[in-house]
Protein backbone atom coordinates (compact mmCIF):
# COMPACT_ATOMS: atom_id res chain seq x y z
CA MET A 1 0.15 0.05 0.19
CA LYS A 2 1.08 3.62 -0.65
CA SER A 3 2.48 5.34 2.32
CA ASP A 4 0.06 8.43 4.19
CA LEU A 5 2.70 11.11 2.35
CA GLU A 6 2.22 9.36 -1.24
CA ILE A 7 -1.61 9.26 -0.50
CA ALA A 8 -1.46 13.14 0.64
CA ARG A 9 0.40 14.09 -2.52
CA GLU A 10 -2.10 12.67 -4.92
CA ALA A 11 -4.33 15.11 -3.21
CA LYS A 12 -5.87 18.49 -5.66
CA LEU A 13 -5.49 21.13 -3.32
CA GLN A 14 -7.77 24.38 -3.10
CA PRO A 15 -6.48 27.34 -2.89
CA ILE A 16 -6.69 28.20 0.42
CA GLN A 17 -9.21 31.07 0.42
CA ALA A 18 -11.82 29.07 -1.56
CA ILE A 19 -11.38 26.33 1.66
CA GLY A 20 -11.95 29.99 3.85
CA GLU A 21 -15.10 31.68 1.70
CA ALA A 22 -16.61 27.88 1.19
CA VAL A 23 -17.44 27.67 5.07
CA GLY A 24 -18.47 31.38 5.20
CA LEU A 25 -15.75 33.06 6.20
CA LEU A 26 -14.78 37.34 4.02
CA PRO A 27 -11.62 37.51 2.25
CA ASP A 28 -10.98 39.54 4.54
CA GLU A 29 -10.20 37.31 7.60
CA ILE A 30 -8.50 34.94 6.10
CA GLU A 31 -4.68 35.75 6.10
CA PRO A 32 -2.69 33.73 3.94
CA HIS A 33 0.55 31.90 4.66
CA GLY A 34 1.40 30.49 1.53
CA LYS A 35 -1.04 28.52 -0.79
CA HIS A 36 -2.88 26.51 1.14
CA MET A 37 -2.36 27.45 5.12
CA ALA A 38 -4.03 30.30 6.25
CA LYS A 39 -4.66 32.36 9.96
CA VAL A 40 -7.94 33.17 10.66
CA SER A 41 -8.59 36.89 12.35
CA LEU A 42 -10.24 36.56 15.54
CA ARG A 43 -12.69 39.32 13.76
CA ALA A 44 -14.46 35.86 12.68
CA ILE A 45 -16.17 35.36 16.44
CA ALA A 46 -18.00 38.68 16.99
CA ARG A 47 -19.05 38.74 13.72
CA LEU A 48 -20.10 34.63 13.49
CA ALA A 49 -21.79 35.13 16.74
CA ASP A 50 -25.57 35.20 15.75
CA ARG A 51 -25.27 32.57 13.48
CA PRO A 52 -26.58 28.96 14.66
CA ARG A 53 -24.29 26.58 16.38
CA ALA A 54 -23.00 23.55 14.77
CA ARG A 55 -23.58 19.96 16.50
CA TYR A 56 -20.40 19.42 18.18
CA VAL A 57 -19.39 15.74 18.33
CA VAL A 58 -15.66 14.83 20.11
CA VAL A 59 -13.98 11.98 19.10
CA SER A 60 -11.71 10.01 21.55
CA ALA A 61 -10.76 6.67 21.84
CA ILE A 62 -9.93 3.03 23.85
CA THR A 63 -6.83 2.71 25.68
CA PRO A 64 -4.40 3.23 22.78
CA THR A 65 -1.50 1.03 21.68
CA PRO A 66 1.69 2.56 20.86
CA LEU A 67 0.89 1.95 17.38
CA GLY A 68 -2.32 4.51 18.17
CA GLU A 69 -5.65 3.25 16.90
CA GLY A 70 -6.86 6.04 14.14
CA LYS A 71 -8.04 8.49 16.28
CA THR A 72 -7.63 11.46 14.44
CA VAL A 73 -8.20 9.28 11.17
CA HIS A 74 -11.57 9.56 12.25
CA THR A 75 -12.00 12.99 13.26
CA ILE A 76 -11.20 14.14 9.75
CA GLY A 77 -12.69 10.60 7.82
CA LEU A 78 -16.20 11.38 10.08
CA SER A 79 -16.11 15.22 8.91
CA LEU A 80 -15.56 13.65 5.24
CA ALA A 81 -18.46 11.39 5.70
CA LEU A 82 -20.76 13.84 7.30
CA ALA A 83 -20.04 16.17 4.26
CA LYS A 84 -20.60 13.15 1.77
CA LEU A 85 -24.09 13.26 3.20
CA GLY A 86 -24.49 16.90 2.73
CA ARG A 87 -23.83 18.50 5.63
CA LYS A 88 -21.17 21.13 5.71
CA VAL A 89 -18.26 20.20 8.54
CA VAL A 90 -15.52 21.92 9.88
CA THR A 91 -12.85 19.83 11.91
CA CYS A 92 -10.23 21.00 14.73
CA ILE A 93 -7.08 19.43 15.55
CA ARG A 94 -4.39 20.01 17.28
CA GLN A 95 -1.00 21.29 15.96
CA PRO A 96 1.52 17.97 16.42
CA SER A 97 4.90 18.41 18.41
CA MET A 98 7.74 17.38 16.40
CA GLY A 99 9.11 15.70 19.49
CA PRO A 100 6.80 12.24 19.00
CA LEU A 101 6.99 13.17 14.82
CA PHE A 102 10.70 12.52 15.00
CA GLY A 103 10.43 10.09 17.84
CA ILE A 104 8.01 7.01 17.69
CA LYS A 105 4.97 8.18 16.95
CA GLY A 106 5.32 9.81 13.61
CA GLY A 107 3.06 12.66 12.47
CA ALA A 108 -0.54 13.57 13.54
CA ALA A 109 -2.36 14.84 9.83
CA GLY A 110 -4.41 11.15 10.00
CA GLY A 111 -3.58 8.60 7.69
CA GLY A 112 -4.08 6.97 4.69
CA TYR A 113 -7.40 8.89 2.63
CA SER A 114 -8.30 10.48 5.15
CA GLN A 115 -5.38 13.27 6.33
CA VAL A 116 -5.26 16.76 6.60
CA VAL A 117 -2.60 18.10 3.82
CA PRO A 118 -0.29 19.58 2.84
CA MET A 119 0.53 16.96 5.43
CA GLU A 120 4.19 17.87 5.83
CA GLN A 121 3.94 21.38 6.13
CA PHE A 122 0.98 20.40 8.93
CA ASN A 123 3.40 17.73 10.21
CA LEU A 124 6.94 20.41 10.28
CA HIS A 125 6.62 23.68 12.06
CA LEU A 126 3.34 25.00 10.32
CA THR A 127 2.71 28.49 10.75
CA GLY A 128 5.85 28.76 13.83
CA ASP A 129 3.30 28.34 17.12
CA ILE A 130 4.55 26.08 18.49
CA HIS A 131 8.07 27.74 18.10
CA ALA A 132 6.51 30.99 19.43
CA VAL A 133 5.11 29.32 22.44
CA GLY A 134 8.47 27.74 23.41
CA ALA A 135 10.05 31.40 22.39
CA ALA A 136 8.15 33.14 24.96
CA HIS A 137 8.30 30.34 27.55
CA ASN A 138 11.89 30.72 27.26
CA LEU A 139 12.10 34.29 27.23
CA ILE A 140 10.24 34.35 30.55
CA ALA A 141 12.51 31.93 32.18
CA ALA A 142 15.70 34.03 30.79
CA HIS A 143 14.42 37.15 32.61
CA VAL A 144 13.89 35.35 35.48
CA ASP A 145 17.12 33.72 36.52
CA ALA A 146 18.48 37.38 35.13
CA SER A 147 16.73 39.51 37.42
CA ILE A 148 17.43 36.99 39.84
CA LEU A 149 21.27 37.69 39.47
CA LEU A 150 21.08 41.51 38.99
CA LYS A 151 20.24 42.52 42.39
CA ASN A 152 16.74 40.17 42.60
CA ARG A 153 14.71 42.96 42.44
CA PHE A 154 11.84 40.82 42.60
CA GLY A 155 12.36 39.59 45.57
CA PHE A 156 12.64 35.79 44.15
CA ASP A 157 13.90 32.68 47.01
CA PRO A 158 15.95 31.01 44.25
CA ASP A 159 15.10 27.59 45.48
CA THR A 160 11.43 27.84 44.36
CA VAL A 161 11.41 28.98 41.14
CA THR A 162 9.07 26.94 39.25
CA TRP A 163 9.30 28.24 36.19
CA ARG A 164 11.35 25.59 33.75
CA ARG A 165 12.70 26.01 29.90
CA VAL A 166 11.24 24.38 26.88
CA SER A 167 12.01 22.40 23.68
CA ASP A 168 10.14 20.91 21.01
CA THR A 169 12.63 17.94 21.12
CA ASN A 170 12.02 14.95 23.04
CA ASP A 171 15.15 15.13 24.82
CA ARG A 172 15.50 12.96 28.29
CA VAL A 173 19.05 14.53 29.54
CA LEU A 174 17.52 18.09 30.04
CA ARG A 175 14.26 16.30 32.17
CA GLU A 176 16.97 17.56 35.46
CA ILE A 177 19.66 19.88 35.28
CA ILE A 178 22.02 22.50 37.02
CA LEU A 179 21.97 26.38 35.46
CA GLY A 180 24.24 28.93 36.46
CA LEU A 181 27.19 27.10 36.20
CA GLY A 182 30.62 28.83 35.09
CA GLY A 183 31.28 31.53 37.49
CA PRO A 184 29.23 34.09 38.95
CA LYS A 185 28.54 36.04 35.46
CA ASN A 186 27.05 33.14 34.18
CA GLY A 187 24.24 33.63 36.92
CA ILE A 188 23.41 31.37 40.38
CA PRO A 189 23.61 28.02 40.34
CA ARG A 190 19.95 26.52 41.21
CA ARG A 191 18.59 23.01 39.83
CA SER A 192 15.88 22.87 37.53
CA GLY A 193 15.00 21.54 34.17
CA PHE A 194 13.16 21.04 30.97
CA ASP A 195 9.44 19.94 30.14
CA ILE A 196 9.04 19.63 26.20
CA THR A 197 7.22 22.48 24.59
CA VAL A 198 4.01 21.57 24.27
CA ALA A 199 3.94 21.02 27.91
CA SER A 200 4.51 24.81 28.70
CA GLU A 201 2.03 26.54 30.32
CA LEU A 202 1.63 29.02 27.40
CA MET A 203 0.61 26.54 25.59
CA ALA A 204 -2.52 25.62 27.38
CA ILE A 205 -3.57 29.03 27.78
CA LEU A 206 -3.20 29.31 24.35
CA GLY A 207 -5.52 25.96 23.86
CA LEU A 208 -8.12 27.82 26.52
CA ALA A 209 -7.91 31.24 26.00
CA THR A 210 -11.09 32.93 24.31
CA SER A 211 -9.34 35.87 22.66
CA LEU A 212 -6.26 38.01 22.91
CA ARG A 213 -7.08 39.99 25.57
CA ASP A 214 -7.77 36.71 27.92
CA MET A 215 -4.07 35.48 27.00
CA ARG A 216 -2.85 38.27 27.91
CA ARG A 217 -4.55 38.14 31.17
CA ARG A 218 -3.65 34.68 32.01
CA ILE A 219 -0.22 34.94 31.29
CA GLY A 220 -0.27 37.67 34.02
CA ARG A 221 -1.22 35.26 36.13
CA VAL A 222 1.70 32.34 35.43
CA ILE A 223 3.38 31.49 38.80
CA LEU A 224 7.23 31.97 38.15
CA GLY A 225 8.52 30.90 42.35
CA TYR A 226 7.74 32.54 45.36
CA SER A 227 9.56 34.70 47.74
CA LYS A 228 11.59 33.83 50.83
CA ASP A 229 8.07 34.67 52.36
CA GLY A 230 5.78 32.33 50.48
CA LYS A 231 4.85 34.94 48.45
CA ALA A 232 3.32 34.20 44.63
CA ILE A 233 5.76 35.72 42.55
CA THR A 234 4.14 36.33 38.68
CA ALA A 235 4.73 36.84 35.22
CA GLU A 236 2.69 40.27 35.39
CA ASP A 237 4.58 40.81 38.65
CA THR A 238 7.67 40.84 36.75
CA ASN A 239 6.85 42.89 33.85
CA CYS A 240 7.31 39.97 30.99
CA ALA A 241 3.99 39.40 30.49
CA GLY A 242 3.88 41.81 27.60
CA ALA A 243 6.74 40.79 25.76
CA ALA A 244 5.58 37.24 25.74
CA THR A 245 2.23 38.10 24.41
CA VAL A 246 3.89 40.25 21.90
CA VAL A 247 5.50 36.77 21.07
CA MET A 248 2.60 34.94 20.99
CA ARG A 249 0.38 37.70 19.24
CA GLU A 250 0.26 36.00 15.91
CA SER A 251 -0.54 32.15 17.46
CA ILE A 252 -3.64 33.49 18.91
CA LYS A 253 -4.70 32.62 15.23
CA PRO A 254 -6.14 29.42 14.41
CA THR A 255 -4.48 27.72 11.24
CA LEU A 256 -6.80 26.81 8.71
CA MET A 257 -5.70 24.38 6.31
CA GLN A 258 -8.18 21.54 3.79
CA THR A 259 -8.39 17.70 4.27
CA MET A 260 -7.93 15.19 1.45
CA GLU A 261 -11.29 15.93 0.23
CA GLY A 262 -11.34 20.02 0.45
CA THR A 263 -13.37 20.43 3.69
CA ALA A 264 -12.30 22.93 6.26
CA CYS A 265 -10.36 22.41 9.32
CA PHE A 266 -8.72 24.21 12.06
CA VAL A 267 -5.58 23.44 13.30
CA HIS A 268 -4.97 25.52 16.72
CA ALA A 269 -3.09 24.55 19.65
CA GLY A 270 -0.93 21.48 20.53
CA PRO A 271 -1.21 20.55 24.48
CA PHE A 272 -0.62 17.07 24.47
CA ALA A 273 -2.71 14.73 26.50
CA ASN A 274 -1.42 12.50 29.04
CA ILE A 275 1.00 15.82 30.46
CA ALA A 276 -1.50 18.78 29.78
CA HIS A 277 -5.48 19.07 28.57
CA GLY A 278 -4.49 17.48 24.97
CA ASN A 279 -7.32 19.29 22.90
CA SER A 280 -7.36 21.69 20.17
CA SER A 281 -7.80 25.91 20.99
CA ILE A 282 -11.08 27.15 22.41
CA ILE A 283 -10.88 30.23 19.50
CA ALA A 284 -10.93 27.25 16.88
CA ASP A 285 -14.23 25.70 18.07
CA GLN A 286 -15.31 29.22 18.27
CA ILE A 287 -15.46 30.07 14.85
CA ALA A 288 -16.15 26.46 13.68
CA VAL A 289 -19.56 26.07 15.41
CA HIS A 290 -21.03 28.49 13.54
CA LEU A 291 -19.83 28.07 10.08
CA GLY A 292 -21.56 24.76 9.23
CA ASP A 293 -23.68 21.75 10.58
CA TYR A 294 -21.15 19.73 12.05
CA VAL A 295 -17.32 20.33 13.88
CA LEU A 296 -15.79 17.32 14.84
CA THR A 297 -12.95 17.84 17.41
CA GLU A 298 -10.54 15.76 18.87
CA ALA A 299 -9.12 14.82 22.43
CA GLY A 300 -5.88 13.37 22.79
CA PHE A 301 -5.87 9.61 23.76
CA GLY A 302 -8.05 7.31 25.48
CA ALA A 303 -11.40 8.37 26.54
CA ASP A 304 -10.09 8.52 30.90
CA ILE A 305 -7.86 11.81 29.52
CA GLY A 306 -8.12 13.28 26.61
CA ALA A 307 -12.21 13.56 26.78
CA GLU A 308 -12.09 13.23 30.35
CA LYS A 309 -10.19 16.95 29.72
CA PHE A 310 -12.25 17.78 27.35
CA PHE A 311 -15.42 17.57 29.42
CA ASN A 312 -14.19 19.24 32.34
CA ILE A 313 -11.70 21.75 31.45
CA LYS A 314 -12.43 22.94 27.88
CA CYS A 315 -15.79 23.08 27.93
CA ARG A 316 -16.10 24.85 31.62
CA ALA A 317 -13.47 27.31 30.15
CA SER A 318 -15.01 27.65 26.38
CA GLY A 319 -19.21 27.31 27.77
CA LEU A 320 -19.71 25.12 24.40
CA THR A 321 -20.78 21.53 25.61
CA PRO A 322 -21.03 18.13 23.31
CA ASP A 323 -23.83 16.74 21.34
CA ALA A 324 -22.55 13.25 21.06
CA ALA A 325 -18.79 11.75 21.09
CA VAL A 326 -16.74 8.63 19.36
CA LEU A 327 -15.45 6.18 20.64
CA VAL A 328 -13.07 4.32 18.16
CA ALA A 329 -11.59 0.89 19.04
CA THR A 330 -9.03 -1.50 16.98
CA VAL A 331 -9.50 -5.38 17.37
CA ARG A 332 -5.46 -5.15 17.47
CA ALA A 333 -5.52 -2.93 20.34
CA LEU A 334 -8.36 -5.31 22.17
CA LYS A 335 -6.76 -7.97 21.68
CA SER A 336 -3.86 -6.59 22.89
CA HIS A 337 -5.70 -5.46 26.34
CA SER A 338 -5.90 -9.26 27.31
CA GLY A 339 -2.20 -9.13 28.16
CA ARG A 340 -0.82 -11.98 25.81
CA PHE A 341 0.77 -9.75 23.43
CA LYS A 342 3.54 -7.09 23.41
CA ILE A 343 3.16 -4.27 20.66
CA VAL A 344 6.53 -3.01 20.50
CA PRO A 345 6.98 0.42 17.53
CA GLY A 346 9.62 -0.69 14.85
CA LYS A 347 9.20 -4.36 15.44
CA PRO A 348 6.98 -6.63 13.39
CA LEU A 349 3.43 -7.33 14.99
CA ASP A 350 2.85 -10.82 17.08
CA GLN A 351 1.08 -13.34 14.52
CA GLY A 352 -1.25 -13.73 17.00
CA LEU A 353 -2.79 -10.14 16.65
CA LEU A 354 -3.11 -10.94 12.96
CA MET A 355 -5.32 -14.17 13.65
CA GLU A 356 -8.68 -14.63 14.24
CA ASP A 357 -9.35 -15.35 18.71
CA LEU A 358 -11.98 -14.51 20.04
CA ASP A 359 -10.79 -15.85 23.34
CA ALA A 360 -8.35 -13.09 23.45
CA LEU A 361 -10.88 -10.25 21.80
CA GLY A 362 -13.14 -10.66 24.46
CA ALA A 363 -10.35 -10.68 27.40
CA GLY A 364 -9.66 -7.03 25.93
CA MET A 365 -12.92 -6.29 25.95
CA PRO A 366 -13.82 -4.38 29.88
CA ASN A 367 -10.99 -1.99 27.99
CA LEU A 368 -13.93 -0.47 25.85
CA VAL A 369 -16.51 -1.49 27.91
CA LYS A 370 -15.43 1.01 30.98
CA GLN A 371 -14.06 3.54 28.18
CA ILE A 372 -18.13 3.44 26.53
CA GLU A 373 -18.99 4.24 30.56
CA ASN A 374 -16.54 7.05 31.25
CA LEU A 375 -18.14 9.05 28.19
CA ARG A 376 -21.72 8.18 29.49
CA ALA A 377 -20.49 9.25 32.66
CA HIS A 378 -20.50 12.66 30.99
CA GLY A 379 -24.58 12.40 29.81
CA VAL A 380 -23.28 11.97 26.28
CA PRO A 381 -24.65 9.84 23.70
CA VAL A 382 -21.47 7.37 22.36
CA VAL A 383 -20.81 6.19 19.28
CA VAL A 384 -18.12 3.45 18.70
CA ALA A 385 -16.14 3.24 15.56
CA MET A 386 -14.39 -0.31 14.57
CA ASN A 387 -11.47 1.02 13.10
CA ARG A 388 -11.31 -1.79 10.38
CA PHE A 389 -7.76 -3.46 9.46
CA PRO A 390 -7.37 -6.16 6.96
CA THR A 391 -7.06 -8.93 9.36
CA ASP A 392 -9.72 -8.11 11.10
CA THR A 393 -13.20 -10.77 10.80
CA GLN A 394 -16.66 -10.03 10.72
CA ALA A 395 -16.69 -12.48 14.48
CA GLU A 396 -14.89 -10.43 15.72
CA TYR A 397 -16.49 -7.11 14.60
CA ASP A 398 -19.71 -8.84 16.00
CA LEU A 399 -18.19 -9.65 19.64
CA ILE A 400 -17.20 -6.20 19.38
CA ARG A 401 -21.04 -4.65 18.66
CA GLU A 402 -22.59 -6.99 21.15
CA ALA A 403 -20.39 -5.66 24.00
CA ALA A 404 -20.63 -2.22 23.08
CA MET A 405 -24.14 -2.41 23.03
CA GLN A 406 -24.31 -3.77 26.31
CA ALA A 407 -22.16 -1.34 27.72
CA GLY A 408 -24.81 1.53 26.65
CA ALA A 409 -23.19 2.41 23.24
CA HIS A 410 -25.58 4.18 21.39
CA ALA A 411 -24.23 2.29 18.31
CA CYS A 412 -21.60 0.31 16.61
CA GLU A 413 -20.32 0.77 13.35
CA VAL A 414 -17.33 -0.84 10.59
CA SER A 415 -15.03 2.42 9.60
CA GLU A 416 -13.36 2.10 6.34
CA VAL A 417 -12.43 6.00 6.21
CA PHE A 418 -8.29 5.05 5.94
CA ALA A 419 -9.00 3.09 2.88
CA LYS A 420 -12.12 4.55 1.34
CA GLY A 421 -12.33 8.43 3.28
CA GLY A 422 -15.59 9.65 3.55
CA ALA A 423 -17.39 6.81 1.87
CA GLY A 424 -15.93 4.49 4.15
CA GLY A 425 -17.75 6.18 6.90
CA LEU A 426 -20.85 6.94 5.41
CA GLU A 427 -22.58 4.45 8.10
CA LEU A 428 -20.30 6.05 10.87
CA ALA A 429 -21.81 9.10 9.94
CA GLU A 430 -25.30 8.21 9.80
CA ALA A 431 -24.86 7.02 13.33
CA ILE A 432 -23.37 10.10 14.65
CA GLU A 433 -26.34 12.08 13.05
CA SER A 434 -28.75 9.83 14.72
CA ALA A 435 -26.51 10.21 17.96
CA CYS A 436 -26.89 14.09 18.12
CA GLU A 437 -30.95 13.95 17.46
CA VAL A 438 -31.22 11.72 21.45
CA GLY A 439 -28.89 14.77 22.28
CA ALA A 440 -27.01 14.91 25.17
CA ASP A 441 -27.48 15.31 29.26
CA PHE A 442 -23.99 16.91 29.99
CA LYS A 443 -22.53 17.04 33.10
CA HIS A 444 -18.93 17.44 34.82
CA LEU A 445 -17.72 14.56 36.26
CA TYR A 446 -16.63 17.07 39.69
CA GLU A 447 -17.67 20.36 41.11
CA LEU A 448 -15.13 23.28 41.18
CA ASP A 449 -15.68 23.86 44.59
CA GLN A 450 -14.89 20.26 45.86
CA PRO A 451 -11.32 19.90 47.61
CA VAL A 452 -7.92 19.37 45.40
CA ARG A 453 -8.20 15.61 47.29
CA ALA A 454 -11.52 15.21 46.33
CA LYS A 455 -11.41 15.94 42.79
CA ILE A 456 -8.35 13.64 42.12
CA GLU A 457 -10.15 10.22 43.78
CA THR A 458 -12.94 11.22 41.53
CA ILE A 459 -11.54 11.20 38.90
CA ALA A 460 -9.37 8.11 39.91
CA THR A 461 -11.36 5.92 41.08
CA ARG A 462 -14.52 7.09 38.80
CA MET A 463 -12.36 7.20 35.36
CA TYR A 464 -9.07 4.67 36.07
CA GLY A 465 -11.37 2.77 38.13
CA ALA A 466 -8.99 2.89 41.46
CA ASP A 467 -9.61 1.81 44.89
CA GLY A 468 -8.35 5.57 45.61
CA VAL A 469 -5.25 7.71 45.66
CA ASP A 470 -1.83 7.69 47.47
CA PHE A 471 -0.63 11.04 47.93
CA LEU A 472 2.95 11.32 48.29
CA PRO A 473 4.70 13.93 51.43
CA ARG A 474 5.13 16.21 48.25
CA ALA A 475 2.17 15.99 46.76
CA GLU A 476 0.92 16.82 50.37
CA GLU A 477 2.35 18.74 50.81
CA GLU A 478 1.49 21.27 47.31
CA ILE A 479 -1.92 20.57 47.53
CA ASP A 480 -2.19 22.23 50.97
CA HIS A 481 0.10 24.88 49.64
CA TYR A 482 -2.15 25.91 46.48
CA GLU A 483 -5.71 25.34 48.99
CA ALA A 484 -3.72 28.08 51.48
CA LEU A 485 -3.19 30.70 48.66
CA GLY A 486 -6.91 30.48 47.22
CA TYR A 487 -6.38 28.08 44.55
CA GLY A 488 -8.22 25.28 45.45
CA LYS A 489 -11.93 25.54 43.48
CA LEU A 490 -9.54 24.90 39.76
CA PRO A 491 -9.89 21.99 37.62
CA ILE A 492 -7.68 19.11 37.69
CA CYS A 493 -5.78 18.08 34.73
CA MET A 494 -4.25 14.58 35.57
CA ALA A 495 -0.68 13.71 33.91
CA LYS A 496 -0.20 9.64 34.02
CA THR A 497 0.23 7.45 30.88
CA HIS A 498 -2.23 7.10 28.11
CA LEU A 499 -1.29 3.49 27.66
CA SER A 500 -3.21 2.14 30.72
CA LEU A 501 -6.34 2.36 32.37
CA SER A 502 -4.20 2.75 35.44
CA HIS A 503 -0.84 4.70 36.32
CA ASP A 504 1.25 1.89 34.83
CA ALA A 505 1.54 1.11 31.10
CA GLN A 506 1.69 -2.53 32.34
CA GLN A 507 -1.32 -2.80 33.23
CA LYS A 508 -4.00 -3.29 30.15
CA GLY A 509 -7.22 -4.13 29.83
CA ARG A 510 -9.28 -2.82 33.30
CA PRO A 511 -6.98 -2.62 35.88
CA THR A 512 -8.65 -3.61 39.28
CA GLY A 513 -7.34 -3.57 42.73
CA PHE A 514 -5.06 -0.79 42.80
CA ARG A 515 -4.53 2.45 44.01
CA LEU A 516 -3.16 5.87 41.62
CA PRO A 517 -0.08 7.09 43.30
CA VAL A 518 0.67 10.95 43.51
CA ARG A 519 3.94 12.01 43.44
CA SER A 520 3.74 16.18 43.44
CA VAL A 521 1.03 18.71 42.26
CA ARG A 522 2.18 21.55 39.51
CA LEU A 523 -0.31 24.48 39.67
CA ALA A 524 -0.75 26.67 37.01
CA ALA A 525 -2.29 29.69 37.18
CA GLY A 526 -3.00 30.92 33.90
CA ALA A 527 -4.31 27.80 32.21
CA GLY A 528 -6.29 27.88 34.97
CA PHE A 529 -5.86 23.72 36.92
CA LEU A 530 -3.35 21.71 38.96
CA TYR A 531 -1.97 18.67 37.52
CA PRO A 532 -0.83 16.17 39.35
CA LEU A 533 2.05 13.87 38.11
CA CYS A 534 0.94 10.39 38.48
CA GLY A 535 3.01 7.41 39.02
CA THR A 536 6.29 8.07 36.82
CA MET A 537 4.96 10.33 34.42
CA MET A 538 7.90 12.27 33.30
CA THR A 539 7.24 16.42 31.22
CA MET A 540 10.10 15.31 28.40
CA PRO A 541 9.60 12.35 26.34
CA GLY A 542 12.67 10.68 25.35
CA LEU A 543 14.02 9.25 22.35
CA GLY A 544 14.45 5.64 21.18
CA SER A 545 17.17 3.98 20.40
CA ARG A 546 16.08 3.97 16.52
CA PRO A 547 13.51 6.82 16.24
CA ALA A 548 11.58 7.80 13.67
CA LEU A 549 14.13 10.84 12.50
CA GLU A 550 16.95 8.29 11.30
CA GLN A 551 14.56 7.42 8.04
CA VAL A 552 13.67 11.19 7.49
CA ASP A 553 15.39 13.06 4.97
CA ILE A 554 15.35 15.54 1.95
CA ASP A 555 15.84 14.16 -2.25
CA ASP A 556 17.33 16.23 -4.89
CA ASP A 557 13.91 17.90 -5.78
CA GLY A 558 13.69 19.61 -2.37
CA GLN A 559 10.93 16.77 -1.22
CA VAL A 560 10.65 15.57 1.91
CA VAL A 561 11.09 11.16 2.10
CA GLY A 562 10.79 9.23 4.98
CA LEU A 563 8.36 10.73 6.84
CA PHE A 564 5.74 7.50 6.99
C-alpha cells in the first residue's frame, strides 16, 4: 500500500482562500501563509456569534497501543463522511509536536485517505505557533534568572523558582539540570529542567484562551516562583507578561487547512493529553461552531485522559457542550488488552494479533466497556467506530458490537475511512447524526468547589477504576500550599500514562485492585488548572534507540522523504 505521504501528495489542493470562503469566512478574515495554509482573524468570532450553533462532536478512543488506533483518522474521516451526506462540516484538531514526530509515533495529520494536507507542512512547523510558545516561555525563564542575578529586584527565593525551560524535542537528558554553572557572571546555580514545549503552561493558555485580551490576562497570572516569605511571584509582577504576549500575538489565530476531500480544518494549539489538557483551541471551536452543521474535534489519547479533560477543563472554559462522542476502537488494541501480546514500535506485530482470536478479544473487551462508561458518565451518547484492519474478521466485529451495545453505546459501526476516505464512513456518519438527534444530558464529573484531594480521587476512582489515591508527602504539601493561596477551586488536569487506565503502562485491559500514586502536584494558575503527576509520568519524553528521525531526509528535488 502507498505511504500516507504518497497518498497525501495525490490530493488536488484548492487555494486556501476558496476553502475558507466555502465555509463562510470573509476574504479579509483569511490571512494566507503560502497557497494552502492561512491564519484566521479573530474578528470572525464577533461577526459569526449570532449564527446558529453547529452540532459539536468529540472524538476519543479506547486505551491505545503505542501505535495509535486511528483517532485523528476518524476525526477527519467522519468529517468527510458527513460532508458526503450533504452536511457542512468543520474539523478542529491540534498542531503536532515534532517531539513524537521524530521519536516513535510519527505525524498526526490522520492517515490513508483521511488526512489534512499538505501533510508535510502540517507536521513540520506549520505556521510556527509551537516555536512562538517556546520562544515566549524561554524569554520569561531568561528574565527570571537575569533578575535573580542582577540584584533580585522582584524578590525571588531562587530555590522556589518553578518556571522551567522548554524545547520541542524529545530530550531526556534535559529533564533535570543545573543552571548557572561557570562562575558568577553566568548566574546563580540552581536545579531546574526542561519540559517539552507542548507541556508549557503557555501552550495550555493558547488552547484555553477565548481572546487576545484573555491570553494576555492569563499569561500575567502565571506563577514563576515564590519569595522568601512564600508570596507567589507572577509574570505580571515581573513585567514580562506583555513581552511574552507580543511574541505569541500571531499564534492566537487558528490555522486554516484542508482535508483530502476539500473540507475545512482548523489546526490550533498542541497540548499533550497525557501531560497537559490534550485538546485543540477554544478559539478555533468558537469560530467553527458558527460556520456549519457539524464540528468534529479530537481529544487526545483514551477517553479516560483527553475526553475527561475536554469535558471538565475545556468545556468549562469555553461554555460549549458536546452533542455526542465517538469512541475509536481496533481489534488489535482490544486483543493487546488481554495482556497476551506485546506491541513494540518498529518491530513486527505478534502473529496472534493478525489471526482471529475471539478469546483474546473477549479478554481485552473490558477496556472498551470502561471507556464507554467514562464517556456516558458525562451524559453524552456514544458511537463506537471499529477501525477496520485487513486481518479483522466479521466474528470479531460482531463480538465488539455486542459488548459495546450492552455497555450502553448508541451505535457501533465498522469504519473504513482510512482506506476509502469519506465513502468508508457513511454508516458511521449516519450513526453520529442519530446520536445528535437523541442529544446529550451533559454534566461535569466533579464540582469545582470540592477539595483538591476529592477532585483527584473522583477522577481516579470513576475514570480509571482505582480503589483510591496515595498522595506522596510532597504532593500533600503542595496541595495544602495551593489551597492556602486560594487555588483550590481550579479543575484538575491529570498527568499519567496514556497506555493504561492505571498509572502503570504495563497494566492492560481494565485494571482493578490498584491505588493511584500522586507524587507531585503542579499549579498552572494562568491556564487555570492543577496538574497532579501520577506514577513515573515525565513532562519531557525521550528518544528511542532507533528514532523515526533516522528515516527522514530530503531528495534532490527538495521533497521530504521517509516521514512515514
